[in-house]
Amino acid sequence: MDEAGFEALLKRELAPSEAPAESAFVARVDRAVAEADLYRRARRRILRQLGSEGLAVGAVGASLAFVTQVPDVREALTQAPELLSIAGLLLLLFWLLVHPKSLPASRRVG
């Protein structure tokens, strides 16, 4: 075998084939990479939302702790402790009404 024949043999044997199985594998890998990217973006968005909502809950808790230091409010809460649970439920209802992204897509209105 001469030099030209050897080069032709190498070129023919080492060239990538366009077999359907390989293109299907490439398509699967591309889909997996795209899905991993979507997952990372969704996880970042959820963590950012969780952080901001945690900060909001902390602010509401701190303000409630401050408000309960007022003697009249403290006296009202000792006489009727269910007021605190009613206020918490009203706050939760308000949050659900103004924050529709927290509901699953199947339960959203509109």
N, C-alpha and C. Protein backbone atom coordinates (compact mmCIF):
# COMPACT_ATOMS: atom_id res chain seq x y z
N MET A 1 0.86 -1.16 0.00
CA MET A 1 0.00 0.00 0.00
C MET A 1 0.91 1.23 0.00
N ASP A 2 0.62 2.11 -0.91
CA ASP A 2 1.43 3.33 -1.00
C ASP A 2 0.85 4.43 -0.10
N GLU A 3 1.50 5.57 -0.06
CA GLU A 3 1.12 6.70 0.82
C GLU A 3 -0.29 7.20 0.52
N ALA A 4 -0.64 7.36 -0.73
CA ALA A 4 -1.95 7.87 -1.11
C ALA A 4 -3.05 6.87 -0.73
N GLY A 5 -2.79 5.59 -0.94
CA GLY A 5 -3.76 4.56 -0.57
C GLY A 5 -3.98 4.51 0.93
N PHE A 6 -2.87 4.67 1.68
CA PHE A 6 -2.96 4.67 3.14
C PHE A 6 -3.76 5.89 3.64
N GLU A 7 -3.52 7.05 3.05
CA GLU A 7 -4.28 8.26 3.42
C GLU A 7 -5.76 8.08 3.10
N ALA A 8 -6.06 7.50 1.96
CA ALA A 8 -7.46 7.28 1.58
C ALA A 8 -8.13 6.30 2.55
N LEU A 9 -7.38 5.25 2.94
CA LEU A 9 -7.90 4.29 3.91
C LEU A 9 -8.18 4.96 5.26
N LEU A 10 -7.24 5.76 5.73
CA LEU A 10 -7.45 6.46 7.00
C LEU A 10 -8.63 7.42 6.93
N LYS A 11 -8.72 8.14 5.83
CA LYS A 11 -9.81 9.10 5.68
C LYS A 11 -11.16 8.39 5.67
N ARG A 12 -11.22 7.27 4.98
CA ARG A 12 -12.47 6.52 4.88
C ARG A 12 -12.85 5.88 6.22
N GLU A 13 -11.89 5.32 6.91
CA GLU A 13 -12.17 4.60 8.16
C GLU A 13 -12.38 5.54 9.36
N LEU A 14 -11.73 6.67 9.36
CA LEU A 14 -11.83 7.57 10.51
C LEU A 14 -12.87 8.68 10.34
N ALA A 15 -13.48 8.77 9.20
CA ALA A 15 -14.50 9.79 8.97
C ALA A 15 -15.74 9.44 9.79
N PRO A 16 -16.37 10.44 10.38
CA PRO A 16 -17.60 10.15 11.15
C PRO A 16 -18.71 9.69 10.22
N SER A 17 -19.41 8.69 10.66
CA SER A 17 -20.52 8.18 9.84
C SER A 17 -21.78 8.94 10.21
N GLU A 18 -22.69 8.97 9.30
CA GLU A 18 -23.97 9.65 9.51
C GLU A 18 -25.06 8.62 9.74
N ALA A 19 -24.79 7.66 10.56
CA ALA A 19 -25.77 6.61 10.84
C ALA A 19 -26.94 7.19 11.61
N PRO A 20 -28.15 6.68 11.37
CA PRO A 20 -29.33 7.19 12.09
C PRO A 20 -29.22 7.00 13.60
N ALA A 21 -28.59 5.95 14.03
CA ALA A 21 -28.47 5.71 15.48
C ALA A 21 -27.63 6.80 16.12
N GLU A 22 -26.59 7.24 15.45
CA GLU A 22 -25.75 8.29 16.01
C GLU A 22 -26.47 9.62 16.04
N SER A 23 -27.23 9.92 15.01
CA SER A 23 -27.96 11.19 15.02
C SER A 23 -29.07 11.17 16.08
N ALA A 24 -29.66 10.00 16.31
CA ALA A 24 -30.66 9.89 17.37
C ALA A 24 -30.00 10.09 18.73
N PHE A 25 -28.80 9.55 18.90
CA PHE A 25 -28.07 9.74 20.16
C PHE A 25 -27.74 11.22 20.38
N VAL A 26 -27.30 11.89 19.32
CA VAL A 26 -26.99 13.31 19.42
C VAL A 26 -28.24 14.10 19.77
N ALA A 27 -29.37 13.75 19.17
CA ALA A 27 -30.63 14.44 19.48
C ALA A 27 -31.02 14.22 20.94
N ARG A 28 -30.83 12.99 21.45
CA ARG A 28 -31.15 12.72 22.86
C ARG A 28 -30.25 13.52 23.79
N VAL A 29 -28.98 13.59 23.46
CA VAL A 29 -28.05 14.36 24.29
C VAL A 29 -28.40 15.85 24.25
N ASP A 30 -28.74 16.36 23.07
CA ASP A 30 -29.15 17.77 22.97
C ASP A 30 -30.39 18.04 23.80
N ARG A 31 -31.36 17.14 23.76
CA ARG A 31 -32.57 17.32 24.58
C ARG A 31 -32.23 17.27 26.07
N ALA A 32 -31.35 16.36 26.45
CA ALA A 32 -30.96 16.26 27.87
C ALA A 32 -30.26 17.53 28.34
N VAL A 33 -29.41 18.09 27.49
CA VAL A 33 -28.72 19.33 27.85
C VAL A 33 -29.73 20.47 27.97
N ALA A 34 -30.68 20.56 27.05
CA ALA A 34 -31.70 21.60 27.11
C ALA A 34 -32.57 21.44 28.36
N GLU A 35 -32.95 20.21 28.69
CA GLU A 35 -33.75 19.98 29.89
C GLU A 35 -32.98 20.31 31.16
N ALA A 36 -31.70 20.00 31.18
CA ALA A 36 -30.88 20.33 32.35
C ALA A 36 -30.79 21.85 32.51
N ASP A 37 -30.70 22.58 31.41
CA ASP A 37 -30.66 24.03 31.47
C ASP A 37 -31.99 24.58 31.99
N LEU A 38 -33.10 24.04 31.50
CA LEU A 38 -34.42 24.46 31.99
C LEU A 38 -34.56 24.18 33.49
N TYR A 39 -34.08 23.02 33.92
CA TYR A 39 -34.15 22.66 35.33
C TYR A 39 -33.35 23.63 36.18
N ARG A 40 -32.13 23.98 35.73
CA ARG A 40 -31.30 24.91 36.50
C ARG A 40 -31.95 26.28 36.60
N ARG A 41 -32.54 26.75 35.49
CA ARG A 41 -33.21 28.06 35.52
C ARG A 41 -34.43 28.03 36.44
N ALA A 42 -35.21 26.96 36.38
CA ALA A 42 -36.39 26.85 37.24
C ALA A 42 -35.98 26.77 38.71
N ARG A 43 -34.91 26.02 39.00
CA ARG A 43 -34.44 25.92 40.39
C ARG A 43 -33.96 27.26 40.91
N ARG A 44 -33.25 28.03 40.07
CA ARG A 44 -32.81 29.36 40.48
C ARG A 44 -33.99 30.28 40.75
N ARG A 45 -35.00 30.20 39.86
CA ARG A 45 -36.19 31.04 40.03
C ARG A 45 -36.94 30.67 41.31
N ILE A 46 -37.06 29.38 41.59
CA ILE A 46 -37.76 28.94 42.81
C ILE A 46 -36.99 29.36 44.06
N LEU A 47 -35.67 29.22 44.04
CA LEU A 47 -34.88 29.63 45.20
C LEU A 47 -34.96 31.13 45.42
N ARG A 48 -34.95 31.90 44.34
CA ARG A 48 -35.07 33.36 44.48
C ARG A 48 -36.45 33.72 45.05
N GLN A 49 -37.50 33.06 44.56
CA GLN A 49 -38.84 33.31 45.08
C GLN A 49 -38.95 32.90 46.54
N LEU A 50 -38.37 31.75 46.88
CA LEU A 50 -38.40 31.28 48.26
C LEU A 50 -37.68 32.27 49.19
N GLY A 51 -36.56 32.79 48.74
CA GLY A 51 -35.83 33.77 49.54
C GLY A 51 -36.62 35.04 49.75
N SER A 52 -37.25 35.55 48.71
CA SER A 52 -38.01 36.79 48.86
C SER A 52 -39.25 36.57 49.73
N GLU A 53 -39.90 35.41 49.58
CA GLU A 53 -41.07 35.15 50.42
C GLU A 53 -40.65 34.90 51.87
N GLY A 54 -39.52 34.27 52.07
CA GLY A 54 -39.02 34.10 53.44
C GLY A 54 -38.72 35.44 54.09
N LEU A 55 -38.15 36.35 53.32
CA LEU A 55 -37.90 37.70 53.83
C LEU A 55 -39.21 38.41 54.17
N ALA A 56 -40.22 38.24 53.33
CA ALA A 56 -41.52 38.86 53.60
C ALA A 56 -42.16 38.27 54.86
N VAL A 57 -42.08 36.96 55.02
CA VAL A 57 -42.64 36.32 56.22
C VAL A 57 -41.90 36.78 57.47
N GLY A 58 -40.58 36.91 57.36
CA GLY A 58 -39.80 37.42 58.49
C GLY A 58 -40.19 38.84 58.85
N ALA A 59 -40.43 39.67 57.84
CA ALA A 59 -40.84 41.05 58.10
C ALA A 59 -42.22 41.10 58.77
N VAL A 60 -43.13 40.26 58.29
CA VAL A 60 -44.47 40.23 58.91
C VAL A 60 -44.36 39.72 60.35
N GLY A 61 -43.56 38.70 60.57
CA GLY A 61 -43.39 38.19 61.93
C GLY A 61 -42.77 39.22 62.86
N ALA A 62 -41.79 39.94 62.37
CA ALA A 62 -41.16 40.99 63.19
C ALA A 62 -42.14 42.10 63.49
N SER A 63 -42.95 42.48 62.51
CA SER A 63 -43.93 43.54 62.77
C SER A 63 -45.01 43.07 63.75
N LEU A 64 -45.40 41.79 63.65
CA LEU A 64 -46.38 41.27 64.61
C LEU A 64 -45.78 41.23 66.02
N ALA A 65 -44.52 40.86 66.12
CA ALA A 65 -43.87 40.86 67.43
C ALA A 65 -43.81 42.26 67.99
N PHE A 66 -43.57 43.24 67.13
CA PHE A 66 -43.53 44.63 67.58
C PHE A 66 -44.91 45.11 68.01
N VAL A 67 -45.95 44.75 67.22
CA VAL A 67 -47.31 45.20 67.53
C VAL A 67 -47.81 44.57 68.82
N THR A 68 -47.43 43.33 69.10
CA THR A 68 -47.91 42.68 70.31
C THR A 68 -47.27 43.26 71.58
N GLN A 69 -46.29 44.10 71.42
CA GLN A 69 -45.70 44.77 72.59
C GLN A 69 -46.58 45.91 73.09
N VAL A 70 -47.53 46.37 72.29
CA VAL A 70 -48.46 47.42 72.72
C VAL A 70 -49.38 46.82 73.78
N PRO A 71 -49.49 47.48 74.95
CA PRO A 71 -50.27 46.90 76.06
C PRO A 71 -51.72 46.58 75.70
N ASP A 72 -52.39 47.45 74.92
CA ASP A 72 -53.79 47.19 74.57
C ASP A 72 -53.92 45.95 73.67
N VAL A 73 -53.00 45.79 72.76
CA VAL A 73 -53.04 44.63 71.86
C VAL A 73 -52.74 43.36 72.66
N ARG A 74 -51.76 43.42 73.54
CA ARG A 74 -51.43 42.26 74.36
C ARG A 74 -52.62 41.86 75.23
N GLU A 75 -53.31 42.84 75.78
CA GLU A 75 -54.49 42.54 76.61
C GLU A 75 -55.60 41.91 75.78
N ALA A 76 -55.82 42.41 74.55
CA ALA A 76 -56.85 41.85 73.67
C ALA A 76 -56.51 40.41 73.30
N LEU A 77 -55.24 40.13 73.08
CA LEU A 77 -54.83 38.76 72.72
C LEU A 77 -54.94 37.80 73.90
N THR A 78 -54.72 38.27 75.11
CA THR A 78 -54.87 37.39 76.27
C THR A 78 -56.34 37.12 76.56
N GLN A 79 -57.22 38.06 76.25
CA GLN A 79 -58.65 37.84 76.48
C GLN A 79 -59.28 36.98 75.39
N ALA A 80 -58.82 37.12 74.16
CA ALA A 80 -59.37 36.34 73.04
C ALA A 80 -58.22 35.83 72.17
N PRO A 81 -57.57 34.71 72.57
CA PRO A 81 -56.40 34.23 71.82
C PRO A 81 -56.73 33.77 70.40
N GLU A 82 -58.00 33.51 70.12
CA GLU A 82 -58.35 33.08 68.76
C GLU A 82 -58.19 34.22 67.76
N LEU A 83 -58.09 35.46 68.23
CA LEU A 83 -57.88 36.58 67.32
C LEU A 83 -56.57 36.43 66.53
N LEU A 84 -55.58 35.87 67.18
CA LEU A 84 -54.29 35.69 66.51
C LEU A 84 -54.41 34.67 65.37
N SER A 85 -55.12 33.58 65.60
CA SER A 85 -55.29 32.59 64.54
C SER A 85 -56.17 33.14 63.42
N ILE A 86 -57.18 33.90 63.75
CA ILE A 86 -58.04 34.51 62.72
C ILE A 86 -57.22 35.49 61.88
N ALA A 87 -56.39 36.30 62.54
CA ALA A 87 -55.54 37.24 61.80
C ALA A 87 -54.57 36.49 60.90
N GLY A 88 -54.03 35.38 61.36
CA GLY A 88 -53.13 34.59 60.53
C GLY A 88 -53.83 34.00 59.33
N LEU A 89 -55.04 33.51 59.53
CA LEU A 89 -55.80 32.96 58.40
C LEU A 89 -56.17 34.04 57.39
N LEU A 90 -56.53 35.22 57.88
CA LEU A 90 -56.82 36.33 56.97
C LEU A 90 -55.59 36.74 56.18
N LEU A 91 -54.44 36.74 56.83
CA LEU A 91 -53.19 37.07 56.14
C LEU A 91 -52.86 36.02 55.08
N LEU A 92 -53.08 34.75 55.40
CA LEU A 92 -52.86 33.68 54.42
C LEU A 92 -53.82 33.82 53.24
N LEU A 93 -55.08 34.12 53.50
CA LEU A 93 -56.05 34.30 52.43
C LEU A 93 -55.66 35.47 51.54
N PHE A 94 -55.24 36.57 52.15
CA PHE A 94 -54.80 37.73 51.38
C PHE A 94 -53.61 37.37 50.50
N TRP A 95 -52.67 36.62 51.05
CA TRP A 95 -51.48 36.23 50.29
C TRP A 95 -51.87 35.34 49.11
N LEU A 96 -52.80 34.42 49.32
CA LEU A 96 -53.24 33.55 48.23
C LEU A 96 -53.96 34.33 47.13
N LEU A 97 -54.68 35.37 47.52
CA LEU A 97 -55.40 36.16 46.52
C LEU A 97 -54.47 37.03 45.69
N VAL A 98 -53.44 37.58 46.29
CA VAL A 98 -52.57 38.50 45.55
C VAL A 98 -51.36 37.79 44.95
N HIS A 99 -51.20 36.52 45.18
CA HIS A 99 -50.03 35.79 44.70
C HIS A 99 -50.46 34.54 43.95
N PRO A 100 -51.08 34.69 42.76
CA PRO A 100 -51.60 33.52 42.05
C PRO A 100 -50.51 32.60 41.51
N LYS A 101 -49.25 33.08 41.40
CA LYS A 101 -48.19 32.20 40.90
C LYS A 101 -47.90 31.08 41.88
N SER A 102 -48.33 31.20 43.13
CA SER A 102 -48.04 30.16 44.10
C SER A 102 -48.96 28.94 43.91
N LEU A 103 -50.06 29.12 43.17
CA LEU A 103 -50.97 28.01 42.93
C LEU A 103 -50.49 27.20 41.73
N PRO A 104 -50.74 25.89 41.72
CA PRO A 104 -50.41 25.09 40.54
C PRO A 104 -51.20 25.60 39.34
N ALA A 105 -50.70 25.37 38.14
CA ALA A 105 -51.34 25.89 36.93
C ALA A 105 -52.78 25.38 36.78
N SER A 106 -53.06 24.18 37.29
CA SER A 106 -54.41 23.62 37.13
C SER A 106 -55.42 24.30 38.06
N ARG A 107 -54.96 25.01 39.11
CA ARG A 107 -55.88 25.63 40.05
C ARG A 107 -55.98 27.14 39.87
N ARG A 108 -55.25 27.70 38.91
CA ARG A 108 -55.29 29.15 38.70
C ARG A 108 -56.59 29.55 38.08
N VAL A 109 -57.06 30.72 38.44
CA VAL A 109 -58.28 31.27 37.85
C VAL A 109 -57.90 32.11 36.66
N GLY A 110 -58.59 31.93 35.55
CA GLY A 110 -58.34 32.77 34.38
C GLY A 110 -57.35 32.21 33.52
